[in-house]
């Protein structure tokens, strides 16, 4: 956790995961431009992330980019995609069988066709794969309770020490 993620940032994985990486919240261009394939995260890691006028560890500033850089590092370390690494190392060991990266029977939002109109169209904005480390999972209450039970001492893939470390500010 105290090593950089192997990208163009000096921040450590711990700093990136705790929103203290010294990076701006979002990427300077739309992530859709990186494509919808498995290599989008790698392209983020190879890119130049936008920086704040502070250094890593100096200040808390909410940052999705840090999660994308750590997701790319996890994919490289596991020699697979980020999604497959999460499935194999988190979802399957905890039997989170209804949690996935693709929505299944999810509620869909709607946008008004024109200001003041009664007509609405279903929102069809695919979630870019490069963004999934910062919030791309769809889950159910049962799976969330199973995940929480692991963090409260139940069985799962993390050691007791790892769980305790995750619960520290």
C-alpha atoms as a PDB file:
ATOM      1  CA  UNK A   1       0.000   0.000   0.000  1.00  0.00           C
ATOM      2  CA  UNK A   2       2.905   2.338   0.551  1.00  0.00           C
ATOM      3  CA  UNK A   3       4.311   2.037  -2.973  1.00  0.00           C
ATOM      4  CA  UNK A   4       3.243   4.025  -6.060  1.00  0.00           C
ATOM      5  CA  UNK A   5       0.843   2.209  -8.407  1.00  0.00           C
ATOM      6  CA  UNK A   6       3.318   2.075 -11.291  1.00  0.00           C
ATOM      7  CA  UNK A   7       2.002   5.053 -13.219  1.00  0.00           C
ATOM      8  CA  UNK A   8       3.014   8.700 -13.628  1.00  0.00           C
ATOM      9  CA  UNK A   9       2.133   9.682 -10.062  1.00  0.00           C
ATOM     10  CA  UNK A  10       4.297   9.924  -6.978  1.00  0.00           C
ATOM     11  CA  UNK A  11       1.404   9.150  -4.616  1.00  0.00           C
ATOM     12  CA  UNK A  12       1.212   5.752  -2.954  1.00  0.00           C
ATOM     13  CA  UNK A  13      -1.653   3.327  -3.350  1.00  0.00           C
ATOM     14  CA  UNK A  14      -2.733   4.136   0.235  1.00  0.00           C
ATOM     15  CA  UNK A  15      -2.806   7.873  -0.567  1.00  0.00           C
ATOM     16  CA  UNK A  16      -4.762   7.303  -3.773  1.00  0.00           C
ATOM     17  CA  UNK A  17      -7.333   5.082  -2.046  1.00  0.00           C
ATOM     18  CA  UNK A  18      -7.796   7.617   0.763  1.00  0.00           C
ATOM     19  CA  UNK A  19      -8.256  10.615  -1.578  1.00  0.00           C
ATOM     20  CA  UNK A  20      -4.893  12.118  -0.649  1.00  0.00           C
ATOM     21  CA  UNK A  21      -3.017  11.616  -3.916  1.00  0.00           C
ATOM     22  CA  UNK A  22      -2.748  15.279  -4.876  1.00  0.00           C
ATOM     23  CA  UNK A  23      -4.768  14.669  -8.038  1.00  0.00           C
ATOM     24  CA  UNK A  24      -7.838  16.398  -9.466  1.00  0.00           C
ATOM     25  CA  UNK A  25     -11.132  14.534  -9.101  1.00  0.00           C
ATOM     26  CA  UNK A  26     -11.710  13.650 -12.760  1.00  0.00           C
ATOM     27  CA  UNK A  27      -9.787  12.984 -15.965  1.00  0.00           C
ATOM     28  CA  UNK A  28      -9.258  16.028 -18.224  1.00  0.00           C
ATOM     29  CA  UNK A  29     -11.219  14.417 -21.085  1.00  0.00           C
ATOM     30  CA  UNK A  30     -14.213  12.085 -21.336  1.00  0.00           C
ATOM     31  CA  UNK A  31     -13.303   8.503 -20.417  1.00  0.00           C
ATOM     32  CA  UNK A  32     -15.501   7.263 -23.254  1.00  0.00           C
ATOM     33  CA  UNK A  33     -12.658   8.434 -25.504  1.00  0.00           C
ATOM     34  CA  UNK A  34     -10.491   5.672 -24.033  1.00  0.00           C
ATOM     35  CA  UNK A  35     -12.836   3.089 -25.510  1.00  0.00           C
ATOM     36  CA  UNK A  36     -15.002   0.444 -23.929  1.00  0.00           C
ATOM     37  CA  UNK A  37     -12.428  -2.348 -23.980  1.00  0.00           C
ATOM     38  CA  UNK A  38     -10.344  -3.887 -21.237  1.00  0.00           C
ATOM     39  CA  UNK A  39      -7.368  -1.660 -22.039  1.00  0.00           C
ATOM     40  CA  UNK A  40      -9.029   1.635 -21.027  1.00  0.00           C
ATOM     41  CA  UNK A  41      -7.626   1.491 -17.500  1.00  0.00           C
ATOM     42  CA  UNK A  42      -4.137   0.873 -18.836  1.00  0.00           C
ATOM     43  CA  UNK A  43      -4.475   3.968 -21.015  1.00  0.00           C
ATOM     44  CA  UNK A  44      -5.424   5.968 -17.889  1.00  0.00           C
ATOM     45  CA  UNK A  45      -2.314   4.652 -16.109  1.00  0.00           C
ATOM     46  CA  UNK A  46      -0.141   5.661 -19.070  1.00  0.00           C
ATOM     47  CA  UNK A  47      -1.701   9.118 -19.273  1.00  0.00           C
ATOM     48  CA  UNK A  48      -0.902  12.295 -17.396  1.00  0.00           C
ATOM     49  CA  UNK A  49      -3.409  12.761 -14.557  1.00  0.00           C
ATOM     50  CA  UNK A  50      -4.473  16.284 -13.642  1.00  0.00           C
ATOM     51  CA  UNK A  51      -2.752  17.425 -10.457  1.00  0.00           C
ATOM     52  CA  UNK A  52      -3.794  19.729  -7.644  1.00  0.00           C
ATOM     53  CA  UNK A  53      -1.465  22.504  -6.430  1.00  0.00           C
ATOM     54  CA  UNK A  54      -0.604  20.305  -3.418  1.00  0.00           C
ATOM     55  CA  UNK A  55       1.519  17.204  -3.026  1.00  0.00           C
ATOM     56  CA  UNK A  56       0.454  13.660  -2.178  1.00  0.00           C
ATOM     57  CA  UNK A  57      -0.558  13.233   1.456  1.00  0.00           C
ATOM     58  CA  UNK A  58      -0.988  16.962   2.094  1.00  0.00           C
ATOM     59  CA  UNK A  59      -4.775  17.237   1.848  1.00  0.00           C
ATOM     60  CA  UNK A  60      -7.958  15.178   1.445  1.00  0.00           C
ATOM     61  CA  UNK A  61      -9.593  15.936  -1.895  1.00  0.00           C
ATOM     62  CA  UNK A  62     -12.170  13.540  -3.368  1.00  0.00           C
ATOM     63  CA  UNK A  63     -10.600  11.896  -6.400  1.00  0.00           C
ATOM     64  CA  UNK A  64     -11.923   9.215  -8.740  1.00  0.00           C
ATOM     65  CA  UNK A  65      -8.662   9.204 -10.717  1.00  0.00           C
ATOM     66  CA  UNK A  66      -6.795   7.593  -7.816  1.00  0.00           C
ATOM     67  CA  UNK A  67      -9.164   4.617  -7.901  1.00  0.00           C
ATOM     68  CA  UNK A  68      -8.639   4.226 -11.651  1.00  0.00           C
ATOM     69  CA  UNK A  69      -4.851   4.213 -11.229  1.00  0.00           C
ATOM     70  CA  UNK A  70      -5.070   1.633  -8.436  1.00  0.00           C
ATOM     71  CA  UNK A  71      -7.502  -0.429 -10.547  1.00  0.00           C
ATOM     72  CA  UNK A  72      -4.982  -0.453 -13.400  1.00  0.00           C
ATOM     73  CA  UNK A  73      -2.248  -1.535 -10.961  1.00  0.00           C
ATOM     74  CA  UNK A  74      -4.468  -4.334  -9.605  1.00  0.00           C
ATOM     75  CA  UNK A  75      -5.161  -5.581 -13.133  1.00  0.00           C
ATOM     76  CA  UNK A  76      -1.418  -5.618 -13.918  1.00  0.00           C
ATOM     77  CA  UNK A  77      -0.562  -7.367 -10.617  1.00  0.00           C
ATOM     78  CA  UNK A  78      -3.235 -10.041 -11.200  1.00  0.00           C
ATOM     79  CA  UNK A  79      -2.371 -10.334 -14.917  1.00  0.00           C
ATOM     80  CA  UNK A  80      -6.016  -9.975 -15.919  1.00  0.00           C
ATOM     81  CA  UNK A  81      -8.652  -7.278 -16.231  1.00  0.00           C
ATOM     82  CA  UNK A  82      -9.751  -5.219 -13.231  1.00  0.00           C
ATOM     83  CA  UNK A  83     -13.239  -6.707 -13.469  1.00  0.00           C
ATOM     84  CA  UNK A  84     -11.932 -10.276 -13.506  1.00  0.00           C
ATOM     85  CA  UNK A  85      -9.553  -9.584 -10.600  1.00  0.00           C
ATOM     86  CA  UNK A  86     -12.455  -8.259  -8.491  1.00  0.00           C
ATOM     87  CA  UNK A  87     -14.631 -11.230  -9.444  1.00  0.00           C
ATOM     88  CA  UNK A  88     -11.949 -13.776  -8.544  1.00  0.00           C
ATOM     89  CA  UNK A  89     -10.588 -12.106  -5.398  1.00  0.00           C
ATOM     90  CA  UNK A  90     -13.651 -10.427  -3.862  1.00  0.00           C
ATOM     91  CA  UNK A  91     -17.007 -11.365  -5.377  1.00  0.00           C
ATOM     92  CA  UNK A  92     -16.545 -15.140  -5.645  1.00  0.00           C
ATOM     93  CA  UNK A  93     -14.819 -15.697  -2.245  1.00  0.00           C
ATOM     94  CA  UNK A  94     -17.615 -13.751  -0.525  1.00  0.00           C
ATOM     95  CA  UNK A  95     -20.331 -15.448  -2.640  1.00  0.00           C
ATOM     96  CA  UNK A  96     -21.568 -12.079  -3.893  1.00  0.00           C
ATOM     97  CA  UNK A  97     -23.349 -13.844  -6.726  1.00  0.00           C
ATOM     98  CA  UNK A  98     -25.710 -11.008  -7.666  1.00  0.00           C
ATOM     99  CA  UNK A  99     -23.034  -8.282  -7.694  1.00  0.00           C
ATOM    100  CA  UNK A 100     -21.668  -7.574 -11.148  1.00  0.00           C
ATOM    101  CA  UNK A 101     -20.249  -4.930 -13.440  1.00  0.00           C
ATOM    102  CA  UNK A 102     -23.227  -5.057 -15.784  1.00  0.00           C
ATOM    103  CA  UNK A 103     -26.694  -4.011 -14.635  1.00  0.00           C
ATOM    104  CA  UNK A 104     -29.374  -6.673 -14.543  1.00  0.00           C
ATOM    105  CA  UNK A 105     -32.948  -5.459 -14.397  1.00  0.00           C
ATOM    106  CA  UNK A 106     -31.752  -2.129 -13.006  1.00  0.00           C
ATOM    107  CA  UNK A 107     -34.033   0.873 -12.757  1.00  0.00           C
ATOM    108  CA  UNK A 108     -33.367   3.327 -15.593  1.00  0.00           C
ATOM    109  CA  UNK A 109     -33.441   7.066 -15.356  1.00  0.00           C
ATOM    110  CA  UNK A 110     -35.177   9.323 -17.815  1.00  0.00           C
ATOM    111  CA  UNK A 111     -34.352  12.732 -19.238  1.00  0.00           C
ATOM    112  CA  UNK A 112     -36.837  15.346 -20.344  1.00  0.00           C
ATOM    113  CA  UNK A 113     -36.802  15.592 -24.164  1.00  0.00           C
ATOM    114  CA  UNK A 114     -37.107  19.387 -24.147  1.00  0.00           C
ATOM    115  CA  UNK A 115     -37.388  21.915 -21.314  1.00  0.00           C
ATOM    116  CA  UNK A 116     -41.013  22.024 -20.159  1.00  0.00           C
ATOM    117  CA  UNK A 117     -41.987  18.933 -22.187  1.00  0.00           C
ATOM    118  CA  UNK A 118     -44.005  16.041 -20.796  1.00  0.00           C
ATOM    119  CA  UNK A 119     -42.029  13.689 -23.047  1.00  0.00           C
ATOM    120  CA  UNK A 120     -39.098  11.774 -21.565  1.00  0.00           C
ATOM    121  CA  UNK A 121     -36.543   9.358 -22.988  1.00  0.00           C
ATOM    122  CA  UNK A 122     -34.785   6.569 -21.090  1.00  0.00           C
ATOM    123  CA  UNK A 123     -31.170   7.390 -20.311  1.00  0.00           C
ATOM    124  CA  UNK A 124     -28.747   5.171 -22.190  1.00  0.00           C
ATOM    125  CA  UNK A 125     -25.290   6.206 -20.998  1.00  0.00           C
ATOM    126  CA  UNK A 126     -23.009   3.173 -20.834  1.00  0.00           C
ATOM    127  CA  UNK A 127     -20.624   3.276 -17.895  1.00  0.00           C
ATOM    128  CA  UNK A 128     -17.070   3.427 -19.278  1.00  0.00           C
ATOM    129  CA  UNK A 129     -15.000   0.375 -18.250  1.00  0.00           C
ATOM    130  CA  UNK A 130     -12.132   2.676 -17.255  1.00  0.00           C
ATOM    131  CA  UNK A 131     -14.412   4.192 -14.594  1.00  0.00           C
ATOM    132  CA  UNK A 132     -15.432   0.914 -12.902  1.00  0.00           C
ATOM    133  CA  UNK A 133     -12.825   1.010 -10.087  1.00  0.00           C
ATOM    134  CA  UNK A 134     -14.528   4.131  -8.728  1.00  0.00           C
ATOM    135  CA  UNK A 135     -18.071   2.824  -8.679  1.00  0.00           C
ATOM    136  CA  UNK A 136     -18.964   0.421 -11.451  1.00  0.00           C
ATOM    137  CA  UNK A 137     -20.540  -2.398  -9.450  1.00  0.00           C
ATOM    138  CA  UNK A 138     -24.246  -3.165  -9.365  1.00  0.00           C
ATOM    139  CA  UNK A 139     -25.360  -5.075  -6.290  1.00  0.00           C
ATOM    140  CA  UNK A 140     -28.269  -6.152  -4.099  1.00  0.00           C
ATOM    141  CA  UNK A 141     -29.087  -5.676  -0.432  1.00  0.00           C
ATOM    142  CA  UNK A 142     -28.324  -9.349   0.304  1.00  0.00           C
ATOM    143  CA  UNK A 143     -24.849  -9.093  -1.246  1.00  0.00           C
ATOM    144  CA  UNK A 144     -24.130  -5.799   0.506  1.00  0.00           C
ATOM    145  CA  UNK A 145     -25.047  -7.393   3.845  1.00  0.00           C
ATOM    146  CA  UNK A 146     -22.738 -10.351   3.092  1.00  0.00           C
ATOM    147  CA  UNK A 147     -19.922  -7.893   2.268  1.00  0.00           C
ATOM    148  CA  UNK A 148     -20.584  -5.955   5.490  1.00  0.00           C
ATOM    149  CA  UNK A 149     -20.597  -9.187   7.513  1.00  0.00           C
ATOM    150  CA  UNK A 150     -17.033  -9.878   6.317  1.00  0.00           C
ATOM    151  CA  UNK A 151     -15.993  -6.428   7.542  1.00  0.00           C
ATOM    152  CA  UNK A 152     -17.619  -7.156  10.889  1.00  0.00           C
ATOM    153  CA  UNK A 153     -15.589 -10.325  11.420  1.00  0.00           C
ATOM    154  CA  UNK A 154     -17.301 -12.882   9.199  1.00  0.00           C
ATOM    155  CA  UNK A 155     -15.478 -15.230   6.813  1.00  0.00           C
ATOM    156  CA  UNK A 156     -13.919 -13.882   3.644  1.00  0.00           C
ATOM    157  CA  UNK A 157     -10.727 -13.290   1.685  1.00  0.00           C
ATOM    158  CA  UNK A 158      -9.222 -10.522   3.832  1.00  0.00           C
ATOM    159  CA  UNK A 159      -7.097 -11.083   6.907  1.00  0.00           C
ATOM    160  CA  UNK A 160      -8.257  -9.593  10.195  1.00  0.00           C
ATOM    161  CA  UNK A 161      -5.356  -7.112   9.953  1.00  0.00           C
ATOM    162  CA  UNK A 162      -6.454  -6.002   6.470  1.00  0.00           C
ATOM    163  CA  UNK A 163     -10.041  -5.491   7.621  1.00  0.00           C
ATOM    164  CA  UNK A 164      -8.831  -3.428  10.594  1.00  0.00           C
ATOM    165  CA  UNK A 165      -6.622  -1.315   8.344  1.00  0.00           C
ATOM    166  CA  UNK A 166      -9.583  -0.597   6.050  1.00  0.00           C
ATOM    167  CA  UNK A 167     -11.590   0.650   9.023  1.00  0.00           C
ATOM    168  CA  UNK A 168      -9.039   3.282  10.022  1.00  0.00           C
ATOM    169  CA  UNK A 169      -9.519   6.907   8.929  1.00  0.00           C
END
